[in-house]
Amino acid sequence: MQGMLRAVNRVVLGLVGLVLVCAGGAVLAAGVGLSVPSWWPFDGRSDVLLSDADRARWRDEGWWWPVVIAALALLLVLGLWWLLAQLRRARLSEVLVESGDGEGALLRGRALEGVLTEEASSLDGVARASVALTGRRTTPRVRMALHLEPDAAPGEALTRITDEAIAHARDSAGLEALPAEVRLGTGRRRARRVS
């Protein structure tokens, strides 16, 4: 689902970009005096977007300008909503836990993230950890960033994260699987002054 949304997002962005580049190129071409198609509304340097006649045509209709302004405001709000959706991280707010009675229980995503962060940070060689849950509430996924101590062994830290912290979270939530993406980094060690 996430991959499909990304693909749709890229296709829509590509089409909007192509339309804007073509429209801008045509306006630029008309502005410098190059030939443009006969249906194009601009045909010279002195041409304007709305002529006096175009602006006066709808002056007597009381509904026209409020509708135009409302449509432009709607486009602005939709554009801002889309921009915020691009910047927002898709975090999982709750996880469905099997309770054994067929009903299930809901576990807060932040609570599971906190437990995973705490357990991962307490492992030897891990300076700090950050965790985010993504996916669906029945099939969560873990995104984890580990900052290792400079002398830590990355392979050992990854094995312990997988076998301990992620396995504990998977078992406690009663999940069949808990896929994880773990990114490893190292903290920088400050140089010590030796005298």
Foldseek 3Di string as FASTA:
>chain_A
DVVVVVVVVVVVVVVVVVVVVVVVVQVVCQLVQHQDDPPDQRRHNPDDPADPCNVPVCPVPPVPVVVVVVVVVVVVVVVVVVVVVVVDDAFDQWAWFDPPPPPTDIDGQVVLQVQLQVVLCPDPFFPGKGWGWHDYNHAIEIEMETAGEPPDDVVVSVVCSVVPSLVVSCVVRVHPDHHYDYHYHYDDDDDDDDD
